[in-house]
Amino acid sequence: MKKNLCRWYDETSAIKRAYDLGILDKKWVENYCWKGGKNCVRKKRFEEEGYVSPDYVLHDGTVDENLKKFWEKKKRSLE
């Protein structure tokens, strides 16, 4: 698959970190991040409103409860 990476798919991206850690299914990055962010609610809201989606919100705007638990646990461990 030829990749047209979203400009926000980098080391600061919670989505990229989740994928790299193996806790986010590849389909999400293939269908959104590797297609230039096309149809990505997270990207659209950030670029149009300056809104930064929580780390557990997926590209289509839904909440991934497993990601939510993971990031909350990680945050608590850093406190």
N, C-alpha and C. Protein backbone atom coordinates (compact mmCIF):
# COMPACT_ATOMS: atom_id res chain seq x y z
N MET A 1 0.84 -1.18 0.00
CA MET A 1 0.00 0.00 0.00
C MET A 1 0.89 1.25 0.00
N LYS A 2 0.62 2.12 -0.95
CA LYS A 2 1.33 3.39 -0.99
C LYS A 2 0.77 4.29 0.10
N LYS A 3 1.67 4.88 0.88
CA LYS A 3 1.24 5.70 2.01
C LYS A 3 1.34 7.19 1.68
N ASN A 4 0.26 7.89 1.99
CA ASN A 4 0.21 9.34 1.91
C ASN A 4 -0.04 9.79 3.35
N LEU A 5 1.02 9.87 4.15
CA LEU A 5 0.87 10.10 5.58
C LEU A 5 0.22 11.43 5.91
N CYS A 6 -0.68 11.38 6.87
CA CYS A 6 -1.29 12.59 7.41
C CYS A 6 -0.17 13.43 8.03
N ARG A 7 -0.27 14.73 7.88
CA ARG A 7 0.77 15.61 8.42
C ARG A 7 0.89 15.52 9.93
N TRP A 8 -0.16 15.04 10.62
CA TRP A 8 -0.16 14.96 12.08
C TRP A 8 0.23 13.57 12.60
N TYR A 9 0.51 12.65 11.69
CA TYR A 9 0.89 11.29 12.08
C TYR A 9 2.40 11.26 12.33
N ASP A 10 2.76 11.65 13.57
CA ASP A 10 4.17 11.69 13.95
C ASP A 10 4.31 11.24 15.40
N GLU A 11 5.47 11.43 15.98
CA GLU A 11 5.75 10.95 17.34
C GLU A 11 4.88 11.60 18.41
N THR A 12 4.29 12.75 18.11
CA THR A 12 3.42 13.42 19.09
C THR A 12 1.99 12.89 19.03
N SER A 13 1.68 12.11 18.03
CA SER A 13 0.33 11.60 17.82
C SER A 13 0.02 10.41 18.74
N ALA A 14 -1.05 10.56 19.52
CA ALA A 14 -1.47 9.45 20.39
C ALA A 14 -1.88 8.24 19.56
N ILE A 15 -2.43 8.50 18.39
CA ILE A 15 -2.84 7.41 17.49
C ILE A 15 -1.60 6.64 17.02
N LYS A 16 -0.57 7.33 16.61
CA LYS A 16 0.66 6.65 16.17
C LYS A 16 1.29 5.87 17.33
N ARG A 17 1.33 6.49 18.50
CA ARG A 17 1.92 5.79 19.66
C ARG A 17 1.12 4.54 19.99
N ALA A 18 -0.21 4.63 19.95
CA ALA A 18 -1.06 3.47 20.24
C ALA A 18 -0.83 2.37 19.21
N TYR A 19 -0.74 2.76 17.95
CA TYR A 19 -0.49 1.77 16.90
C TYR A 19 0.89 1.13 17.08
N ASP A 20 1.91 1.95 17.33
CA ASP A 20 3.26 1.43 17.52
C ASP A 20 3.35 0.48 18.71
N LEU A 21 2.53 0.73 19.73
CA LEU A 21 2.51 -0.14 20.91
C LEU A 21 1.66 -1.40 20.70
N GLY A 22 0.96 -1.47 19.57
CA GLY A 22 0.15 -2.64 19.27
C GLY A 22 -1.22 -2.64 19.92
N ILE A 23 -1.68 -1.48 20.38
CA ILE A 23 -3.00 -1.44 21.04
C ILE A 23 -4.08 -0.81 20.17
N LEU A 24 -3.72 -0.44 18.95
CA LEU A 24 -4.69 0.10 18.00
C LEU A 24 -4.59 -0.72 16.71
N ASP A 25 -5.73 -1.19 16.25
CA ASP A 25 -5.78 -2.01 15.05
C ASP A 25 -5.24 -1.25 13.83
N LYS A 26 -4.51 -1.96 13.01
CA LYS A 26 -3.88 -1.39 11.82
C LYS A 26 -4.89 -0.73 10.88
N LYS A 27 -6.13 -1.22 10.87
CA LYS A 27 -7.13 -0.68 9.95
C LYS A 27 -7.33 0.82 10.15
N TRP A 28 -7.18 1.30 11.39
CA TRP A 28 -7.37 2.72 11.65
C TRP A 28 -6.31 3.58 10.98
N VAL A 29 -5.07 3.17 11.10
CA VAL A 29 -4.00 3.96 10.47
C VAL A 29 -4.00 3.78 8.96
N GLU A 30 -4.32 2.59 8.50
CA GLU A 30 -4.40 2.35 7.05
C GLU A 30 -5.49 3.20 6.41
N ASN A 31 -6.65 3.25 7.04
CA ASN A 31 -7.81 3.92 6.45
C ASN A 31 -7.82 5.43 6.64
N TYR A 32 -7.03 5.93 7.56
CA TYR A 32 -7.04 7.37 7.82
C TYR A 32 -5.64 7.98 7.74
N CYS A 33 -4.75 7.59 8.63
CA CYS A 33 -3.42 8.21 8.73
C CYS A 33 -2.59 8.00 7.47
N TRP A 34 -2.69 6.83 6.88
CA TRP A 34 -1.89 6.51 5.70
C TRP A 34 -2.57 6.97 4.42
N LYS A 35 -3.70 7.62 4.54
CA LYS A 35 -4.41 8.18 3.38
C LYS A 35 -4.51 9.70 3.52
N GLY A 36 -3.50 10.27 4.14
CA GLY A 36 -3.43 11.72 4.25
C GLY A 36 -4.42 12.33 5.23
N GLY A 37 -5.04 11.51 6.06
CA GLY A 37 -6.02 12.02 7.02
C GLY A 37 -7.39 12.24 6.41
N LYS A 38 -7.62 11.71 5.21
CA LYS A 38 -8.90 11.90 4.53
C LYS A 38 -10.04 11.36 5.40
N ASN A 39 -11.08 12.19 5.58
CA ASN A 39 -12.28 11.86 6.35
C ASN A 39 -12.03 11.68 7.85
N CYS A 40 -10.89 12.14 8.34
CA CYS A 40 -10.56 12.00 9.75
C CYS A 40 -11.17 13.15 10.56
N VAL A 41 -12.05 12.81 11.48
CA VAL A 41 -12.72 13.80 12.33
C VAL A 41 -11.70 14.50 13.22
N ARG A 42 -10.75 13.75 13.76
CA ARG A 42 -9.71 14.33 14.62
C ARG A 42 -8.94 15.43 13.88
N LYS A 43 -8.48 15.13 12.67
CA LYS A 43 -7.72 16.08 11.86
C LYS A 43 -8.58 17.29 11.51
N LYS A 44 -9.79 17.05 11.07
CA LYS A 44 -10.69 18.14 10.67
C LYS A 44 -10.94 19.10 11.82
N ARG A 45 -11.26 18.56 12.99
CA ARG A 45 -11.55 19.42 14.14
C ARG A 45 -10.32 20.20 14.57
N PHE A 46 -9.15 19.58 14.52
CA PHE A 46 -7.93 20.27 14.91
C PHE A 46 -7.64 21.42 13.94
N GLU A 47 -7.70 21.13 12.66
CA GLU A 47 -7.35 22.14 11.67
C GLU A 47 -8.39 23.26 11.56
N GLU A 48 -9.65 22.93 11.77
CA GLU A 48 -10.70 23.95 11.62
C GLU A 48 -11.04 24.68 12.92
N GLU A 49 -10.90 23.98 14.05
CA GLU A 49 -11.32 24.57 15.33
C GLU A 49 -10.18 24.71 16.34
N GLY A 50 -9.05 24.09 16.04
CA GLY A 50 -7.96 24.08 17.00
C GLY A 50 -8.21 23.12 18.16
N TYR A 51 -9.22 22.25 18.00
CA TYR A 51 -9.60 21.31 19.04
C TYR A 51 -8.70 20.08 18.99
N VAL A 52 -8.08 19.76 20.12
CA VAL A 52 -7.26 18.56 20.21
C VAL A 52 -8.11 17.46 20.84
N SER A 53 -8.37 16.42 20.06
CA SER A 53 -9.18 15.30 20.56
C SER A 53 -8.44 14.54 21.65
N PRO A 54 -9.19 14.02 22.62
CA PRO A 54 -8.55 13.16 23.63
C PRO A 54 -7.84 11.98 22.95
N ASP A 55 -6.83 11.47 23.59
CA ASP A 55 -6.01 10.40 23.01
C ASP A 55 -6.79 9.14 22.67
N TYR A 56 -7.95 8.95 23.25
CA TYR A 56 -8.73 7.74 23.04
C TYR A 56 -9.87 7.91 22.03
N VAL A 57 -9.95 9.07 21.39
CA VAL A 57 -10.97 9.28 20.36
C VAL A 57 -10.39 8.83 19.02
N LEU A 58 -11.18 7.99 18.34
CA LEU A 58 -10.72 7.45 17.07
C LEU A 58 -11.00 8.43 15.92
N HIS A 59 -10.52 8.09 14.78
CA HIS A 59 -10.60 8.92 13.59
C HIS A 59 -12.03 9.29 13.20
N ASP A 60 -12.97 8.40 13.49
CA ASP A 60 -14.37 8.65 13.12
C ASP A 60 -15.12 9.38 14.24
N GLY A 61 -14.41 9.73 15.31
CA GLY A 61 -15.02 10.47 16.41
C GLY A 61 -15.55 9.62 17.54
N THR A 62 -15.48 8.31 17.40
CA THR A 62 -15.95 7.43 18.47
C THR A 62 -14.88 7.26 19.55
N VAL A 63 -15.34 6.88 20.73
CA VAL A 63 -14.43 6.65 21.85
C VAL A 63 -14.07 5.18 21.90
N ASP A 64 -12.78 4.88 21.98
CA ASP A 64 -12.30 3.51 22.14
C ASP A 64 -12.04 3.31 23.63
N GLU A 65 -12.89 2.53 24.27
CA GLU A 65 -12.79 2.34 25.72
C GLU A 65 -11.48 1.69 26.14
N ASN A 66 -10.94 0.79 25.32
CA ASN A 66 -9.66 0.17 25.65
C ASN A 66 -8.53 1.20 25.62
N LEU A 67 -8.54 2.06 24.62
CA LEU A 67 -7.54 3.12 24.57
C LEU A 67 -7.70 4.08 25.74
N LYS A 68 -8.95 4.38 26.07
CA LYS A 68 -9.22 5.28 27.19
C LYS A 68 -8.62 4.73 28.48
N LYS A 69 -8.87 3.45 28.74
CA LYS A 69 -8.33 2.82 29.95
C LYS A 69 -6.80 2.81 29.92
N PHE A 70 -6.22 2.52 28.76
CA PHE A 70 -4.77 2.47 28.63
C PHE A 70 -4.15 3.82 28.94
N TRP A 71 -4.64 4.89 28.28
CA TRP A 71 -4.06 6.21 28.47
C TRP A 71 -4.29 6.74 29.88
N GLU A 72 -5.45 6.44 30.47
CA GLU A 72 -5.70 6.89 31.84
C GLU A 72 -4.77 6.18 32.82
N LYS A 73 -4.56 4.88 32.60
CA LYS A 73 -3.64 4.13 33.46
C LYS A 73 -2.21 4.68 33.31
N LYS A 74 -1.82 4.95 32.09
CA LYS A 74 -0.48 5.49 31.84
C LYS A 74 -0.32 6.85 32.51
N LYS A 75 -1.33 7.69 32.41
CA LYS A 75 -1.28 9.02 33.03
C LYS A 75 -1.14 8.90 34.55
N ARG A 76 -1.91 7.99 35.15
CA ARG A 76 -1.83 7.80 36.62
C ARG A 76 -0.46 7.33 37.04
N SER A 77 0.17 6.49 36.21
CA SER A 77 1.49 5.96 36.57
C SER A 77 2.57 7.05 36.53
N LEU A 78 2.29 8.14 35.83
CA LEU A 78 3.26 9.23 35.73
C LEU A 78 3.07 10.28 36.83
N GLU A 79 1.97 10.18 37.55
CA GLU A 79 1.68 11.18 38.60
C GLU A 79 2.44 10.88 39.87
